[in-house]
Protein backbone atom coordinates (compact mmCIF):
# COMPACT_ATOMS: atom_id res chain seq x y z
CA MET A 1 21.93 -17.41 5.82
CA LEU A 2 19.78 -17.28 2.53
CA ILE A 3 17.54 -20.08 1.56
CA GLU A 4 16.72 -20.03 -2.18
CA ARG A 5 14.59 -22.76 -4.04
CA ASP A 6 15.20 -21.58 -7.68
CA LEU A 7 18.87 -22.12 -8.63
CA ALA A 8 18.80 -19.31 -10.95
CA HIS A 9 18.40 -16.96 -8.05
CA VAL A 10 21.31 -18.24 -5.99
CA GLU A 11 23.44 -15.19 -6.38
CA PRO A 12 26.34 -15.35 -3.73
CA GLU A 13 27.95 -12.21 -5.29
CA ALA A 14 25.06 -10.23 -4.57
CA VAL A 15 25.21 -10.72 -0.66
CA PRO A 16 28.73 -11.92 -0.19
CA GLN A 17 28.26 -12.12 3.68
CA ALA A 18 25.41 -14.48 3.56
CA GLU A 19 25.59 -18.34 3.58
CA TRP A 20 23.53 -19.49 0.31
CA VAL A 21 21.80 -22.67 0.60
CA HIS A 22 19.91 -24.15 -2.47
CA ALA A 23 17.09 -25.76 -1.10
CA ASP A 24 13.10 -25.60 -0.59
CA ALA A 25 12.29 -23.98 2.55
CA CYS A 26 8.77 -25.44 2.78
CA GLU A 27 10.68 -28.97 3.04
CA LEU A 28 11.43 -29.97 6.76
CA ALA A 29 14.38 -31.90 5.58
CA SER A 30 16.08 -28.81 4.00
CA LEU A 31 15.35 -26.97 6.98
CA GLU A 32 17.19 -29.69 9.14
CA GLU A 33 19.97 -29.62 6.81
CA ALA A 34 20.26 -25.87 7.10
CA ARG A 35 20.38 -26.36 10.77
CA LEU A 36 17.52 -23.80 11.29
CA GLN A 37 17.23 -24.77 15.01
CA GLY A 38 20.39 -22.75 15.72
CA CYS A 39 18.90 -19.65 14.22
CA ASP A 40 17.73 -16.57 16.32
CA VAL A 41 15.57 -15.09 13.74
CA VAL A 42 13.78 -16.46 10.42
CA ILE A 43 12.46 -14.15 7.86
CA ALA A 44 10.10 -15.40 5.45
CA ALA A 45 10.32 -12.99 2.62
CA THR A 46 9.03 -14.82 -0.72
CA GLY A 47 6.56 -13.36 -2.99
CA ASP A 48 4.21 -16.13 -1.99
CA ASP A 49 2.04 -15.76 1.00
CA LYS A 50 1.39 -19.53 1.22
CA VAL A 51 5.11 -20.24 1.32
CA ASN A 52 5.82 -17.60 3.80
CA LEU A 53 3.17 -19.10 6.19
CA VAL A 54 4.45 -22.82 5.87
CA VAL A 55 7.89 -21.36 6.61
CA SER A 56 6.98 -19.46 9.52
CA LEU A 57 5.01 -22.41 10.97
CA LEU A 58 7.71 -24.98 10.67
CA ALA A 59 10.15 -22.45 12.05
CA LYS A 60 8.41 -21.79 15.22
CA THR A 61 6.98 -25.31 15.83
CA GLU A 62 9.62 -27.58 14.48
CA PHE A 63 12.65 -25.81 15.11
CA ALA A 64 11.73 -23.38 18.10
CA VAL A 65 13.17 -20.23 16.40
CA ARG A 66 12.55 -17.51 18.92
CA ARG A 67 11.59 -14.83 16.44
CA VAL A 68 9.59 -15.36 13.09
CA VAL A 69 8.97 -12.36 10.47
CA ALA A 70 6.73 -12.93 7.55
CA ARG A 71 6.09 -10.90 4.57
CA VAL A 72 2.55 -10.36 3.53
CA ASN A 73 2.06 -9.76 -0.33
CA ASP A 74 -1.77 -9.79 -0.44
CA PRO A 75 -3.44 -7.78 1.90
CA ARG A 76 -6.67 -10.01 1.82
CA ASN A 77 -3.99 -12.60 3.64
CA GLU A 78 -3.07 -10.44 6.45
CA TRP A 79 -5.35 -11.74 9.08
CA LEU A 80 -3.61 -15.18 8.46
CA PHE A 81 -0.48 -13.68 9.68
CA ASN A 82 -0.28 -13.97 13.21
CA ASP A 83 1.07 -16.19 16.04
CA ALA A 84 -1.34 -19.21 15.36
CA TRP A 85 1.03 -19.36 12.18
CA GLY A 86 4.13 -18.76 14.24
CA ILE A 87 4.72 -15.46 13.24
CA ASP A 88 5.59 -12.83 15.72
CA VAL A 89 5.95 -9.86 13.45
CA ALA A 90 4.00 -9.55 9.92
CA VAL A 91 5.47 -6.98 7.40
CA SER A 92 2.74 -5.99 4.83
CA THR A 93 4.29 -4.54 1.82
CA PRO A 94 1.20 -3.00 0.34
CA ARG A 95 0.42 -1.57 3.39
CA MET A 96 3.82 -0.02 3.73
CA LEU A 97 4.00 1.06 0.29
CA ALA A 98 0.40 2.75 0.70
CA ALA A 99 1.82 4.63 4.10
CA MET A 100 4.84 5.63 2.07
CA VAL A 101 2.70 7.20 -0.39
CA GLU A 102 0.62 8.95 1.80
CA GLU A 103 3.30 10.57 3.65
CA ALA A 104 5.32 11.63 0.40
CA VAL A 105 2.08 13.48 -0.86
CA SER A 106 1.05 16.52 0.93
CA VAL A 107 -2.09 18.00 1.62
CA GLY A 108 -3.52 20.05 -1.43
CA ASP A 109 -1.68 18.10 -4.01
CA LEU A 110 -3.50 16.21 -6.57
CA VAL A 111 -3.14 12.64 -6.73
CA ARG A 112 -3.83 10.23 -9.72
CA LEU A 113 -5.36 7.18 -8.36
CA LEU A 114 -6.27 5.32 -11.49
CA THR A 115 -6.45 5.70 -15.37
CA LEU A 116 -9.66 4.87 -17.09
CA ARG A 117 -10.67 4.31 -20.68
CA GLN A 118 -7.14 3.93 -22.06
CA GLY A 119 -6.20 7.24 -20.51
CA THR A 120 -8.82 9.24 -21.59
CA ALA A 121 -9.67 10.03 -17.97
CA ASN A 122 -8.32 9.57 -14.64
CA LEU A 123 -9.75 9.13 -11.30
CA VAL A 124 -7.95 11.79 -8.96
CA GLU A 125 -7.81 12.92 -5.38
CA VAL A 126 -7.14 16.09 -3.65
CA THR A 127 -7.36 16.56 0.26
CA LEU A 128 -8.26 20.21 1.22
CA PRO A 129 -5.85 21.68 3.32
CA ALA A 130 -7.26 23.30 7.22
CA ASN A 131 -7.16 26.58 5.76
CA THR A 132 -9.10 26.04 2.43
CA PRO A 133 -10.74 29.15 0.96
CA LEU A 134 -13.90 26.78 -0.03
CA ALA A 135 -14.55 25.79 3.78
CA GLY A 136 -18.19 26.17 4.11
CA ARG A 137 -19.20 26.77 0.52
CA ALA A 138 -21.58 24.45 -1.31
CA VAL A 139 -20.65 22.08 -3.80
CA ARG A 140 -22.36 23.94 -6.33
CA GLU A 141 -20.45 26.89 -5.76
CA VAL A 142 -16.92 25.25 -6.87
CA PRO A 143 -16.47 26.43 -10.24
CA LEU A 144 -14.85 23.24 -11.89
CA PRO A 145 -14.22 22.63 -15.39
CA ARG A 146 -16.66 21.07 -17.46
CA GLU A 147 -14.35 18.12 -18.07
CA ALA A 148 -14.23 17.26 -14.55
CA ALA A 149 -16.68 15.41 -12.28
CA LEU A 150 -16.89 15.49 -8.35
CA VAL A 151 -17.80 11.88 -7.60
CA ALA A 152 -17.14 11.55 -4.01
CA ILE A 153 -15.88 13.14 -0.93
CA LEU A 154 -14.28 11.26 1.80
CA ARG A 155 -14.72 12.73 5.06
CA GLY A 156 -13.93 11.36 8.67
CA GLY A 157 -14.38 7.41 7.39
CA ARG A 158 -17.41 8.23 5.46
CA VAL A 159 -18.13 8.34 1.84
CA ILE A 160 -20.43 11.17 0.75
CA VAL A 161 -21.95 11.10 -2.73
CA PRO A 162 -21.88 14.91 -3.34
CA GLN A 163 -24.85 17.03 -3.56
CA PRO A 164 -25.41 20.58 -5.10
CA ASP A 165 -26.40 22.03 -1.58
CA ASP A 166 -23.63 19.75 0.56
CA PRO A 167 -20.97 21.99 2.28
CA ILE A 168 -17.30 21.58 2.03
CA GLU A 169 -14.93 21.11 4.95
CA PRO A 170 -11.49 21.38 5.52
CA GLY A 171 -9.65 17.96 5.17
CA ASP A 172 -12.35 16.71 2.78
CA GLU A 173 -10.51 14.19 0.41
CA MET A 174 -12.24 15.08 -2.91
CA MET A 175 -12.33 12.60 -5.51
CA PHE A 176 -13.06 13.52 -9.37
CA VAL A 177 -13.10 11.90 -12.56
CA ALA A 178 -11.14 14.28 -15.16
CA GLY A 179 -9.48 14.47 -18.25
CA GLU A 180 -5.62 14.97 -17.81
CA ASP A 181 -5.77 18.17 -19.63
CA VAL A 182 -7.86 19.78 -16.74
CA GLU A 183 -6.10 18.30 -13.61
CA GLU A 184 -3.91 21.61 -13.06
CA GLU A 185 -7.15 23.61 -13.37
CA ILE A 186 -8.76 21.47 -10.65
CA GLN A 187 -5.97 22.11 -8.37
CA ARG A 188 -6.13 25.80 -8.73
CA VAL A 189 -9.77 25.78 -8.35
CA LEU A 190 -9.52 23.79 -5.11
CA LYS A 191 -6.78 26.64 -3.90
CA GLY A 192 -8.97 29.36 -4.56
CA GLU A 193 -7.09 30.70 -7.44
CA PRO A 194 -8.73 32.04 -10.62
CA ALA A 195 -9.34 29.68 -13.53
CA GLU A 196 -7.01 30.56 -16.36
């Protein structure tokens, strides 16, 4: 059963196996009409955290639904999505997306995190592999292009503001502000390849 408040979004042909109910899931009367008490599982999956919390609480406390799953849209609200609100399983869309991105990006790849100044520069990150040829070298020894600035090193949960004599270690996440035209050169340098 799919409960949808907006009639424009009721599309029985999209999920023909489902029973579609045009109602507001935050209204107790609507849930009673939909016979929620007969459901084994309720999934609150709207794009609004407030709605998902209300639906979850109503499902658990008013209708004794055994299992309630709720979608978290804003990571700042994750702390609310617990059994106090009737939620058995919280699914954080931003956390899942971040985990998928982390998994998809292999160590050594340059990742563009943010575009700055209408595209004139980017914040990019490269995680050094275990066998990096830069291990033990000082930051000042890395021949970076002039249009690139090493702004931070993330190491073991710490943020390091790089100083010229700081040593580089395998697994370091190196963050740069750089123009797009030098991103490939940064990657070559960090792999120990000669600059072109």
